[in-house]
Amino acid sequence: MAVLVDAAIWPHRGRRWAHLVSDRSLEELHGFAAELGLRREWFQGDHYDVPAEVRERAIALGAQPVSSGELIRRLRAAGLRRSSRVVRLPGE
């Protein structure tokens, strides 16, 4: 299985959050997320944000804990990384 999760270090609304991704396919990611009870509309284009307690459940189900840098490297290598930057053409 190639589901990855980074450390829950990202603060938001009084909690710490991690990123859950797959370096194989979005289908694998969505299937794993469903096992965790995550709703599809929570998908963020190439990842799910998960709070620390869900991160622990993901690891128990087989997600591989990795650093944020490793997570991004593997997501890019798989061609699944969606750029967070919006590129605007001149005149737009």
PDB file of N, CA and C in Angstrom:
ATOM      1  N   MET A   1       0.849  -1.180   0.000  1.00  0.00           N
ATOM      2  CA  MET A   1       0.000   0.000   0.000  1.00  0.00           C
ATOM      3  C   MET A   1       0.888   1.234   0.000  1.00  0.00           C
ATOM      4  N   ALA A   2       0.481   2.267  -0.714  1.00  0.00           N
ATOM      5  CA  ALA A   2       1.286   3.478  -0.814  1.00  0.00           C
ATOM      6  C   ALA A   2       0.519   4.701  -0.339  1.00  0.00           C
ATOM      7  N   VAL A   3      -0.188   4.551   0.770  1.00  0.00           N
ATOM      8  CA  VAL A   3      -0.836   5.708   1.379  1.00  0.00           C
ATOM      9  C   VAL A   3       0.147   6.281   2.391  1.00  0.00           C
ATOM     10  N   LEU A   4       0.334   7.589   2.307  1.00  0.00           N
ATOM     11  CA  LEU A   4       1.314   8.283   3.135  1.00  0.00           C
ATOM     12  C   LEU A   4       0.619   9.323   4.006  1.00  0.00           C
ATOM     13  N   VAL A   5       1.201   9.594   5.161  1.00  0.00           N
ATOM     14  CA  VAL A   5       0.685  10.649   6.034  1.00  0.00           C
ATOM     15  C   VAL A   5       1.873  11.340   6.694  1.00  0.00           C
ATOM     16  N   ASP A   6       1.848  12.670   6.668  1.00  0.00           N
ATOM     17  CA  ASP A   6       2.932  13.403   7.319  1.00  0.00           C
ATOM     18  C   ASP A   6       2.566  13.692   8.776  1.00  0.00           C
ATOM     19  N   ALA A   7       3.427  14.389   9.471  1.00  0.00           N
ATOM     20  CA  ALA A   7       3.201  14.685  10.889  1.00  0.00           C
ATOM     21  C   ALA A   7       2.066  15.696  11.040  1.00  0.00           C
ATOM     22  N   ALA A   8       1.325  15.564  12.115  1.00  0.00           N
ATOM     23  CA  ALA A   8       0.222  16.487  12.400  1.00  0.00           C
ATOM     24  C   ALA A   8       0.797  17.738  13.073  1.00  0.00           C
ATOM     25  N   ILE A   9       1.315  18.633  12.253  1.00  0.00           N
ATOM     26  CA  ILE A   9       1.955  19.852  12.776  1.00  0.00           C
ATOM     27  C   ILE A   9       1.272  21.132  12.309  1.00  0.00           C
ATOM     28  N   TRP A  10       0.285  21.004  11.438  1.00  0.00           N
ATOM     29  CA  TRP A  10      -0.332  22.179  10.835  1.00  0.00           C
ATOM     30  C   TRP A  10      -1.506  22.639  11.687  1.00  0.00           C
ATOM     31  N   PRO A  11      -1.397  23.804  12.359  1.00  0.00           N
ATOM     32  CA  PRO A  11      -2.471  24.252  13.241  1.00  0.00           C
ATOM     33  C   PRO A  11      -3.655  24.847  12.466  1.00  0.00           C
ATOM     34  N   HIS A  12      -4.864  24.492  12.902  1.00  0.00           N
ATOM     35  CA  HIS A  12      -6.079  25.063  12.336  1.00  0.00           C
ATOM     36  C   HIS A  12      -7.226  24.800  13.295  1.00  0.00           C
ATOM     37  N   ARG A  13      -7.920  25.849  13.670  1.00  0.00           N
ATOM     38  CA  ARG A  13      -9.089  25.742  14.546  1.00  0.00           C
ATOM     39  C   ARG A  13      -8.815  24.966  15.827  1.00  0.00           C
ATOM     40  N   GLY A  14      -7.686  25.243  16.442  1.00  0.00           N
ATOM     41  CA  GLY A  14      -7.361  24.647  17.728  1.00  0.00           C
ATOM     42  C   GLY A  14      -6.904  23.197  17.690  1.00  0.00           C
ATOM     43  N   ARG A  15      -6.654  22.669  16.504  1.00  0.00           N
ATOM     44  CA  ARG A  15      -6.195  21.287  16.367  1.00  0.00           C
ATOM     45  C   ARG A  15      -4.941  21.259  15.507  1.00  0.00           C
ATOM     46  N   ARG A  16      -4.269  20.115  15.480  1.00  0.00           N
ATOM     47  CA  ARG A  16      -3.107  19.895  14.620  1.00  0.00           C
ATOM     48  C   ARG A  16      -3.517  18.921  13.514  1.00  0.00           C
ATOM     49  N   TRP A  17      -3.102  19.239  12.299  1.00  0.00           N
ATOM     50  CA  TRP A  17      -3.532  18.491  11.122  1.00  0.00           C
ATOM     51  C   TRP A  17      -2.353  17.927  10.349  1.00  0.00           C
ATOM     52  N   ALA A  18      -2.616  16.844   9.637  1.00  0.00           N
ATOM     53  CA  ALA A  18      -1.644  16.183   8.763  1.00  0.00           C
ATOM     54  C   ALA A  18      -2.264  16.077   7.368  1.00  0.00           C
ATOM     55  N   HIS A  19      -1.449  15.654   6.412  1.00  0.00           N
ATOM     56  CA  HIS A  19      -1.906  15.436   5.042  1.00  0.00           C
ATOM     57  C   HIS A  19      -1.868  13.937   4.741  1.00  0.00           C
ATOM     58  N   LEU A  20      -2.932  13.440   4.140  1.00  0.00           N
ATOM     59  CA  LEU A  20      -3.045  12.035   3.757  1.00  0.00           C
ATOM     60  C   LEU A  20      -3.066  11.980   2.229  1.00  0.00           C
ATOM     61  N   VAL A  21      -2.128  11.227   1.635  1.00  0.00           N
ATOM     62  CA  VAL A  21      -2.021  11.127   0.180  1.00  0.00           C
ATOM     63  C   VAL A  21      -1.753   9.679  -0.221  1.00  0.00           C
ATOM     64  N   SER A  22      -1.839   9.432  -1.527  1.00  0.00           N
ATOM     65  CA  SER A  22      -1.376   8.176  -2.102  1.00  0.00           C
ATOM     66  C   SER A  22      -0.347   8.514  -3.168  1.00  0.00           C
ATOM     67  N   ASP A  23       0.698   7.714  -3.251  1.00  0.00           N
ATOM     68  CA  ASP A  23       1.666   7.927  -4.334  1.00  0.00           C
ATOM     69  C   ASP A  23       1.437   6.920  -5.462  1.00  0.00           C
ATOM     70  N   ARG A  24       0.286   6.271  -5.438  1.00  0.00           N
ATOM     71  CA  ARG A  24      -0.093   5.338  -6.512  1.00  0.00           C
ATOM     72  C   ARG A  24      -1.245   5.860  -7.346  1.00  0.00           C
ATOM     73  N   SER A  25      -2.369   6.204  -6.670  1.00  0.00           N
ATOM     74  CA  SER A  25      -3.549   6.645  -7.416  1.00  0.00           C
ATOM     75  C   SER A  25      -4.532   7.355  -6.490  1.00  0.00           C
ATOM     76  N   LEU A  26      -5.352   8.182  -7.098  1.00  0.00           N
ATOM     77  CA  LEU A  26      -6.402   8.841  -6.325  1.00  0.00           C
ATOM     78  C   LEU A  26      -7.460   7.833  -5.899  1.00  0.00           C
ATOM     79  N   GLU A  27      -7.667   6.807  -6.688  1.00  0.00           N
ATOM     80  CA  GLU A  27      -8.630   5.766  -6.311  1.00  0.00           C
ATOM     81  C   GLU A  27      -8.203   5.096  -5.010  1.00  0.00           C
ATOM     82  N   GLU A  28      -6.901   4.807  -4.894  1.00  0.00           N
ATOM     83  CA  GLU A  28      -6.397   4.209  -3.661  1.00  0.00           C
ATOM     84  C   GLU A  28      -6.618   5.164  -2.486  1.00  0.00           C
ATOM     85  N   LEU A  29      -6.316   6.432  -2.697  1.00  0.00           N
ATOM     86  CA  LEU A  29      -6.493   7.431  -1.644  1.00  0.00           C
ATOM     87  C   LEU A  29      -7.953   7.522  -1.210  1.00  0.00           C
ATOM     88  N   HIS A  30      -8.875   7.613  -2.167  1.00  0.00           N
ATOM     89  CA  HIS A  30     -10.292   7.730  -1.819  1.00  0.00           C
ATOM     90  C   HIS A  30     -10.802   6.485  -1.103  1.00  0.00           C
ATOM     91  N   GLY A  31     -10.345   5.317  -1.504  1.00  0.00           N
ATOM     92  CA  GLY A  31     -10.741   4.085  -0.829  1.00  0.00           C
ATOM     93  C   GLY A  31     -10.258   4.051   0.613  1.00  0.00           C
ATOM     94  N   PHE A  32      -9.011   4.460   0.814  1.00  0.00           N
ATOM     95  CA  PHE A  32      -8.438   4.483   2.160  1.00  0.00           C
ATOM     96  C   PHE A  32      -9.172   5.520   3.021  1.00  0.00           C
ATOM     97  N   ALA A  33      -9.428   6.681   2.431  1.00  0.00           N
ATOM     98  CA  ALA A  33     -10.142   7.737   3.152  1.00  0.00           C
ATOM     99  C   ALA A  33     -11.533   7.258   3.572  1.00  0.00           C
ATOM    100  N   ALA A  34     -12.194   6.521   2.703  1.00  0.00           N
ATOM    101  CA  ALA A  34     -13.515   5.987   3.040  1.00  0.00           C
ATOM    102  C   ALA A  34     -13.429   5.040   4.232  1.00  0.00           C
ATOM    103  N   GLU A  35     -12.364   4.218   4.283  1.00  0.00           N
ATOM    104  CA  GLU A  35     -12.166   3.326   5.430  1.00  0.00           C
ATOM    105  C   GLU A  35     -12.013   4.109   6.730  1.00  0.00           C
ATOM    106  N   LEU A  36     -11.443   5.306   6.622  1.00  0.00           N
ATOM    107  CA  LEU A  36     -11.262   6.163   7.803  1.00  0.00           C
ATOM    108  C   LEU A  36     -12.528   6.943   8.158  1.00  0.00           C
ATOM    109  N   GLY A  37     -13.522   6.869   7.283  1.00  0.00           N
ATOM    110  CA  GLY A  37     -14.760   7.613   7.525  1.00  0.00           C
ATOM    111  C   GLY A  37     -14.718   9.048   7.026  1.00  0.00           C
ATOM    112  N   LEU A  38     -13.757   9.359   6.149  1.00  0.00           N
ATOM    113  CA  LEU A  38     -13.663  10.711   5.601  1.00  0.00           C
ATOM    114  C   LEU A  38     -14.652  10.873   4.455  1.00  0.00           C
ATOM    115  N   ARG A  39     -15.234  12.036   4.362  1.00  0.00           N
ATOM    116  CA  ARG A  39     -16.187  12.317   3.283  1.00  0.00           C
ATOM    117  C   ARG A  39     -15.445  12.792   2.042  1.00  0.00           C
ATOM    118  N   ARG A  40     -15.920  12.387   0.885  1.00  0.00           N
ATOM    119  CA  ARG A  40     -15.258  12.710  -0.382  1.00  0.00           C
ATOM    120  C   ARG A  40     -15.146  14.210  -0.595  1.00  0.00           C
ATOM    121  N   GLU A  41     -16.116  14.979  -0.140  1.00  0.00           N
ATOM    122  CA  GLU A  41     -16.049  16.436  -0.345  1.00  0.00           C
ATOM    123  C   GLU A  41     -14.942  17.102   0.469  1.00  0.00           C
ATOM    124  N   TRP A  42     -14.310  16.366   1.355  1.00  0.00           N
ATOM    125  CA  TRP A  42     -13.171  16.904   2.112  1.00  0.00           C
ATOM    126  C   TRP A  42     -11.861  16.792   1.333  1.00  0.00           C
ATOM    127  N   PHE A  43     -11.896  16.141   0.188  1.00  0.00           N
ATOM    128  CA  PHE A  43     -10.713  15.982  -0.654  1.00  0.00           C
ATOM    129  C   PHE A  43     -10.236  17.350  -1.130  1.00  0.00           C
ATOM    130  N   GLN A  44      -8.917  17.582  -1.042  1.00  0.00           N
ATOM    131  CA  GLN A  44      -8.322  18.887  -1.337  1.00  0.00           C
ATOM    132  C   GLN A  44      -7.549  18.912  -2.656  1.00  0.00           C
ATOM    133  N   GLY A  45      -7.960  18.135  -3.640  1.00  0.00           N
ATOM    134  CA  GLY A  45      -7.307  18.149  -4.944  1.00  0.00           C
ATOM    135  C   GLY A  45      -6.224  17.104  -5.115  1.00  0.00           C
ATOM    136  N   ASP A  46      -5.408  16.879  -4.078  1.00  0.00           N
ATOM    137  CA  ASP A  46      -4.406  15.803  -4.117  1.00  0.00           C
ATOM    138  C   ASP A  46      -4.186  15.195  -2.744  1.00  0.00           C
ATOM    139  N   HIS A  47      -4.964  15.628  -1.751  1.00  0.00           N
ATOM    140  CA  HIS A  47      -4.797  15.118  -0.389  1.00  0.00           C
ATOM    141  C   HIS A  47      -6.065  15.336   0.438  1.00  0.00           C
ATOM    142  N   TYR A  48      -6.090  14.690   1.570  1.00  0.00           N
ATOM    143  CA  TYR A  48      -7.083  14.960   2.603  1.00  0.00           C
ATOM    144  C   TYR A  48      -6.333  15.539   3.795  1.00  0.00           C
ATOM    145  N   ASP A  49      -6.903  16.561   4.427  1.00  0.00           N
ATOM    146  CA  ASP A  49      -6.385  17.042   5.700  1.00  0.00           C
ATOM    147  C   ASP A  49      -7.017  16.178   6.792  1.00  0.00           C
ATOM    148  N   VAL A  50      -6.187  15.676   7.702  1.00  0.00           N
ATOM    149  CA  VAL A  50      -6.702  14.830   8.778  1.00  0.00           C
ATOM    150  C   VAL A  50      -6.149  15.310  10.115  1.00  0.00           C
ATOM    151  N   PRO A  51      -7.007  15.349  11.139  1.00  0.00           N
ATOM    152  CA  PRO A  51      -6.520  15.733  12.468  1.00  0.00           C
ATOM    153  C   PRO A  51      -5.653  14.624  13.067  1.00  0.00           C
ATOM    154  N   ALA A  52      -4.914  14.970  14.097  1.00  0.00           N
ATOM    155  CA  ALA A  52      -3.942  14.053  14.703  1.00  0.00           C
ATOM    156  C   ALA A  52      -4.534  12.695  15.057  1.00  0.00           C
ATOM    157  N   GLU A  53      -5.747  12.675  15.602  1.00  0.00           N
ATOM    158  CA  GLU A  53      -6.330  11.388  16.009  1.00  0.00           C
ATOM    159  C   GLU A  53      -6.677  10.512  14.792  1.00  0.00           C
ATOM    160  N   VAL A  54      -7.067  11.121  13.692  1.00  0.00           N
ATOM    161  CA  VAL A  54      -7.337  10.352  12.467  1.00  0.00           C
ATOM    162  C   VAL A  54      -6.016   9.889  11.863  1.00  0.00           C
ATOM    163  N   ARG A  55      -4.973  10.710  11.971  1.00  0.00           N
ATOM    164  CA  ARG A  55      -3.640  10.297  11.513  1.00  0.00           C
ATOM    165  C   ARG A  55      -3.225   8.998  12.196  1.00  0.00           C
ATOM    166  N   GLU A  56      -3.426   8.915  13.491  1.00  0.00           N
ATOM    167  CA  GLU A  56      -3.062   7.702  14.234  1.00  0.00           C
ATOM    168  C   GLU A  56      -3.856   6.495  13.747  1.00  0.00           C
ATOM    169  N   ARG A  57      -5.147   6.677  13.466  1.00  0.00           N
ATOM    170  CA  ARG A  57      -5.956   5.575  12.925  1.00  0.00           C
ATOM    171  C   ARG A  57      -5.468   5.173  11.541  1.00  0.00           C
ATOM    172  N   ALA A  58      -5.070   6.165  10.734  1.00  0.00           N
ATOM    173  CA  ALA A  58      -4.558   5.877   9.388  1.00  0.00           C
ATOM    174  C   ALA A  58      -3.297   5.025   9.469  1.00  0.00           C
ATOM    175  N   ILE A  59      -2.411   5.355  10.384  1.00  0.00           N
ATOM    176  CA  ILE A  59      -1.184   4.567  10.564  1.00  0.00           C
ATOM    177  C   ILE A  59      -1.528   3.149  11.007  1.00  0.00           C
ATOM    178  N   ALA A  60      -2.489   3.021  11.911  1.00  0.00           N
ATOM    179  CA  ALA A  60      -2.911   1.690  12.369  1.00  0.00           C
ATOM    180  C   ALA A  60      -3.489   0.861  11.222  1.00  0.00           C
ATOM    181  N   LEU A  61      -4.087   1.534  10.218  1.00  0.00           N
ATOM    182  CA  LEU A  61      -4.649   0.835   9.062  1.00  0.00           C
ATOM    183  C   LEU A  61      -3.623   0.597   7.958  1.00  0.00           C
ATOM    184  N   GLY A  62      -2.386   1.097   8.154  1.00  0.00           N
ATOM    185  CA  GLY A  62      -1.333   0.806   7.185  1.00  0.00           C
ATOM    186  C   GLY A  62      -0.727   1.999   6.466  1.00  0.00           C
ATOM    187  N   ALA A  63      -1.192   3.208   6.743  1.00  0.00           N
ATOM    188  CA  ALA A  63      -0.564   4.376   6.121  1.00  0.00           C
ATOM    189  C   ALA A  63       0.871   4.495   6.620  1.00  0.00           C
ATOM    190  N   GLN A  64       1.743   4.909   5.737  1.00  0.00           N
ATOM    191  CA  GLN A  64       3.162   5.044   6.076  1.00  0.00           C
ATOM    192  C   GLN A  64       3.448   6.465   6.552  1.00  0.00           C
ATOM    193  N   PRO A  65       3.913   6.648   7.789  1.00  0.00           N
ATOM    194  CA  PRO A  65       4.273   7.996   8.239  1.00  0.00           C
ATOM    195  C   PRO A  65       5.573   8.451   7.576  1.00  0.00           C
ATOM    196  N   VAL A  66       5.540   9.645   7.009  1.00  0.00           N
ATOM    197  CA  VAL A  66       6.708  10.210   6.330  1.00  0.00           C
ATOM    198  C   VAL A  66       6.798  11.695   6.676  1.00  0.00           C
ATOM    199  N   SER A  67       7.948  12.276   6.393  1.00  0.00           N
ATOM    200  CA  SER A  67       8.092  13.719   6.580  1.00  0.00           C
ATOM    201  C   SER A  67       7.278  14.441   5.514  1.00  0.00           C
ATOM    202  N   SER A  68       7.010  15.712   5.735  1.00  0.00           N
ATOM    203  CA  SER A  68       6.283  16.506   4.743  1.00  0.00           C
ATOM    204  C   SER A  68       7.049  16.575   3.434  1.00  0.00           C
ATOM    205  N   GLY A  69       8.364  16.715   3.518  1.00  0.00           N
ATOM    206  CA  GLY A  69       9.187  16.759   2.318  1.00  0.00           C
ATOM    207  C   GLY A  69       9.111  15.475   1.523  1.00  0.00           C
ATOM    208  N   GLU A  70       9.175  14.343   2.216  1.00  0.00           N
ATOM    209  CA  GLU A  70       9.068  13.042   1.547  1.00  0.00           C
ATOM    210  C   GLU A  70       7.693  12.870   0.915  1.00  0.00           C
ATOM    211  N   LEU A  71       6.661  13.288   1.615  1.00  0.00           N
ATOM    212  CA  LEU A  71       5.305  13.189   1.098  1.00  0.00           C
ATOM    213  C   LEU A  71       5.190  13.952  -0.230  1.00  0.00           C
ATOM    214  N   ILE A  72       5.678  15.178  -0.269  1.00  0.00           N
ATOM    215  CA  ILE A  72       5.624  15.995  -1.487  1.00  0.00           C
ATOM    216  C   ILE A  72       6.470  15.377  -2.598  1.00  0.00           C
ATOM    217  N   ARG A  73       7.674  14.933  -2.274  1.00  0.00           N
ATOM    218  CA  ARG A  73       8.543  14.307  -3.284  1.00  0.00           C
ATOM    219  C   ARG A  73       7.862  13.107  -3.944  1.00  0.00           C
ATOM    220  N   ARG A  74       7.271  12.259  -3.127  1.00  0.00           N
ATOM    221  CA  ARG A  74       6.644  11.050  -3.668  1.00  0.00           C
ATOM    222  C   ARG A  74       5.365  11.371  -4.434  1.00  0.00           C
ATOM    223  N   LEU A  75       4.629  12.372  -3.988  1.00  0.00           N
ATOM    224  CA  LEU A  75       3.423  12.794  -4.700  1.00  0.00           C
ATOM    225  C   LEU A  75       3.781  13.370  -6.069  1.00  0.00           C
ATOM    226  N   ARG A  76       4.837  14.181  -6.110  1.00  0.00           N
ATOM    227  CA  ARG A  76       5.301  14.738  -7.390  1.00  0.00           C
ATOM    228  C   ARG A  76       5.822  13.637  -8.316  1.00  0.00           C
ATOM    229  N   ALA A  77       6.612  12.717  -7.766  1.00  0.00           N
ATOM    230  CA  ALA A  77       7.176  11.636  -8.576  1.00  0.00           C
ATOM    231  C   ALA A  77       6.078  10.779  -9.198  1.00  0.00           C
ATOM    232  N   ALA A  78       4.960  10.657  -8.517  1.00  0.00           N
ATOM    233  CA  ALA A  78       3.835   9.870  -9.028  1.00  0.00           C
ATOM    234  C   ALA A  78       2.989  10.667 -10.019  1.00  0.00           C
ATOM    235  N   GLY A  79       3.287  11.957 -10.157  1.00  0.00           N
ATOM    236  CA  GLY A  79       2.505  12.801 -11.059  1.00  0.00           C
ATOM    237  C   GLY A  79       1.151  13.180 -10.497  1.00  0.00           C
ATOM    238  N   LEU A  80       0.987  13.071  -9.174  1.00  0.00           N
ATOM    239  CA  LEU A  80      -0.299  13.347  -8.544  1.00  0.00           C
ATOM    240  C   LEU A  80      -0.341  14.678  -7.799  1.00  0.00           C
ATOM    241  N   ARG A  81       0.761  15.407  -7.760  1.00  0.00           N
ATOM    242  CA  ARG A  81       0.803  16.678  -7.033  1.00  0.00           C
ATOM    243  C   ARG A  81       0.064  17.733  -7.826  1.00  0.00           C
ATOM    244  N   ARG A  82      -0.879  18.372  -7.185  1.00  0.00           N
ATOM    245  CA  ARG A  82      -1.607  19.478  -7.796  1.00  0.00           C
ATOM    246  C   ARG A  82      -1.010  20.767  -7.259  1.00  0.00           C
ATOM    247  N   SER A  83      -0.612  21.649  -8.124  1.00  0.00           N
ATOM    248  CA  SER A  83       0.022  22.896  -7.712  1.00  0.00           C
ATOM    249  C   SER A  83      -0.944  23.734  -6.885  1.00  0.00           C
ATOM    250  N   SER A  84      -0.432  24.318  -5.825  1.00  0.00           N
ATOM    251  CA  SER A  84      -1.259  25.184  -4.997  1.00  0.00           C
ATOM    252  C   SER A  84      -1.253  26.615  -5.508  1.00  0.00           C
ATOM    253  N   ARG A  85      -0.394  26.894  -6.465  1.00  0.00           N
ATOM    254  CA  ARG A  85      -0.318  28.241  -7.017  1.00  0.00           C
ATOM    255  C   ARG A  85      -1.239  28.378  -8.209  1.00  0.00           C
ATOM    256  N   VAL A  86      -1.888  29.533  -8.297  1.00  0.00           N
ATOM    257  CA  VAL A  86      -2.726  29.846  -9.447  1.00  0.00           C
ATOM    258  C   VAL A  86      -1.876  30.678 -10.398  1.00  0.00           C
ATOM    259  N   VAL A  87      -1.771  30.216 -11.624  1.00  0.00           N
ATOM    260  CA  VAL A  87      -0.998  30.939 -12.634  1.00  0.00           C
ATOM    261  C   VAL A  87      -1.964  31.751 -13.463  1.00  0.00           C
ATOM    262  N   ARG A  88      -1.720  33.050 -13.537  1.00  0.00           N
ATOM    263  CA  ARG A  88      -2.562  33.934 -14.329  1.00  0.00           C
ATOM    264  C   ARG A  88      -1.765  34.451 -15.523  1.00  0.00           C
ATOM    265  N   LEU A  89      -2.416  34.461 -16.656  1.00  0.00           N
ATOM    266  CA  LEU A  89      -1.783  34.997 -17.861  1.00  0.00           C
ATOM    267  C   LEU A  89      -1.893  36.513 -17.860  1.00  0.00           C
ATOM    268  N   PRO A  90      -0.959  37.210 -18.498  1.00  0.00           N
ATOM    269  CA  PRO A  90      -1.054  38.668 -18.576  1.00  0.00           C
ATOM    270  C   PRO A  90      -2.399  39.076 -19.171  1.00  0.00           C
ATOM    271  N   GLY A  91      -3.007  40.084 -18.584  1.00  0.00           N
ATOM    272  CA  GLY A  91      -4.283  40.593 -19.066  1.00  0.00           C
ATOM    273  C   GLY A  91      -5.509  39.936 -18.435  1.00  0.00           C
ATOM    274  N   GLU A  92      -5.287  38.905 -17.612  1.00  0.00           N
ATOM    275  CA  GLU A  92      -6.422  38.232 -16.972  1.00  0.00           C
ATOM    276  C   GLU A  92      -6.783  38.926 -15.678  1.00  0.00           C
TER     277      GLU A  92
END
